[in-house]
């Protein structure tokens, strides 16, 4: 037995890393159809989902179970958004006969405090990471042909219109390290939203989280980044893209692609773990209609599609359940190596890609995850730690 383990260790260290053959899997524990799912990267295990009925649900265990959250004054929720840097702070918008109202929670959605009335329906919300009294909201016109960007400097009590553009699907965002700078579409502000200038050649869709921070643009020709505050753009991925998500805990983790939110189409998802040097295709298992994507942890990713939550989970490499990929997992895989489903000695947990055989592909998956652990104590900063 010891010999086989040593042989497998040698193979493990010399085998090239394979693209992980996992796929998006449905989560069937949801009580009703979900429209959106959001996570706060400072509390990676907590997910809050918005159902089609306007009801809120919360999961404290990465989507395995869900509980009902109280809706503010029993009103229908139309938008949910986490604070950028405060783990327990969330915002929501409700709609009722009295109009649109704005709320804030300090305890991850268990209780809600009324902030003020909104000047109409709000499609997107962006919270300044260092000055949470500064908010940006996107409000559509009555006929939907225009979008108005409004700002508030008093936590959302009153709103002022600062910019109007033809209808755009782009969400505004604040610069993570320059709190006075924000971006929307092809426009930029350097004074907390007071004045805006159209200085970008591309629609800005997301900030990077490294220093100095990149600004990303997702376009039909591909994904581009700028490190000189929109003066020039450099290609990252030459495939059609219309969104990007970055992991604040690990700036090298980039998810991008081309997803279709409103009609049946072909969805393409690409993931990079090395800052965009290489991308793997993560499209397998996606529904035809896809809404938002979110990071819940370095190894766990969520999306909503057709009322169902889908999860992309890299944890299958943890065969023995110790919350880390180490020699114990290698021993289990070595015992079942070469076995097929139904044969004596076959171990379904060691069949990491569920193809009915414990073989080199499973070993490749284990090697690509080697040394990672998937559990973090509260005082730890989440990330991938070598043994």
Foldseek 3Di string as FASTA:
>chain_A
DVVLLVVLVVCLVVPDFDDALFAWDFQPQDPWFFDWKAAALLQLQWIWTAHPQQWIWIGNGQRNHIDTADDVVNFRWDDKAAQNAQHQKIKTWGQDPVGIWIWITNGNRNDIDTQAHDPHDWDAKEAQNPQRLWIWTWHADPVRQKIWIWIGNGNPHDIDTADMDGRDPAHKYAANVQRQWIFAFQWIGRGSRNHIDRQAPATFHDWFQDVVIWTWGAAQQGIWIDSPVRPDIDHLDRHHWDHKDANNLQRQWIKIWHFAAPDFDQTWIWIGNGNRPDIDTRRPPDDRHWDDKYRSAPFKIWTHDPRTIIIGGLPLCVLPPPQANESVSSVLLSQQAAHFPPDPSHDCSLVSSNPRHSYDSSSSSSSVRHQFGHDDDSVDRGDGGGD
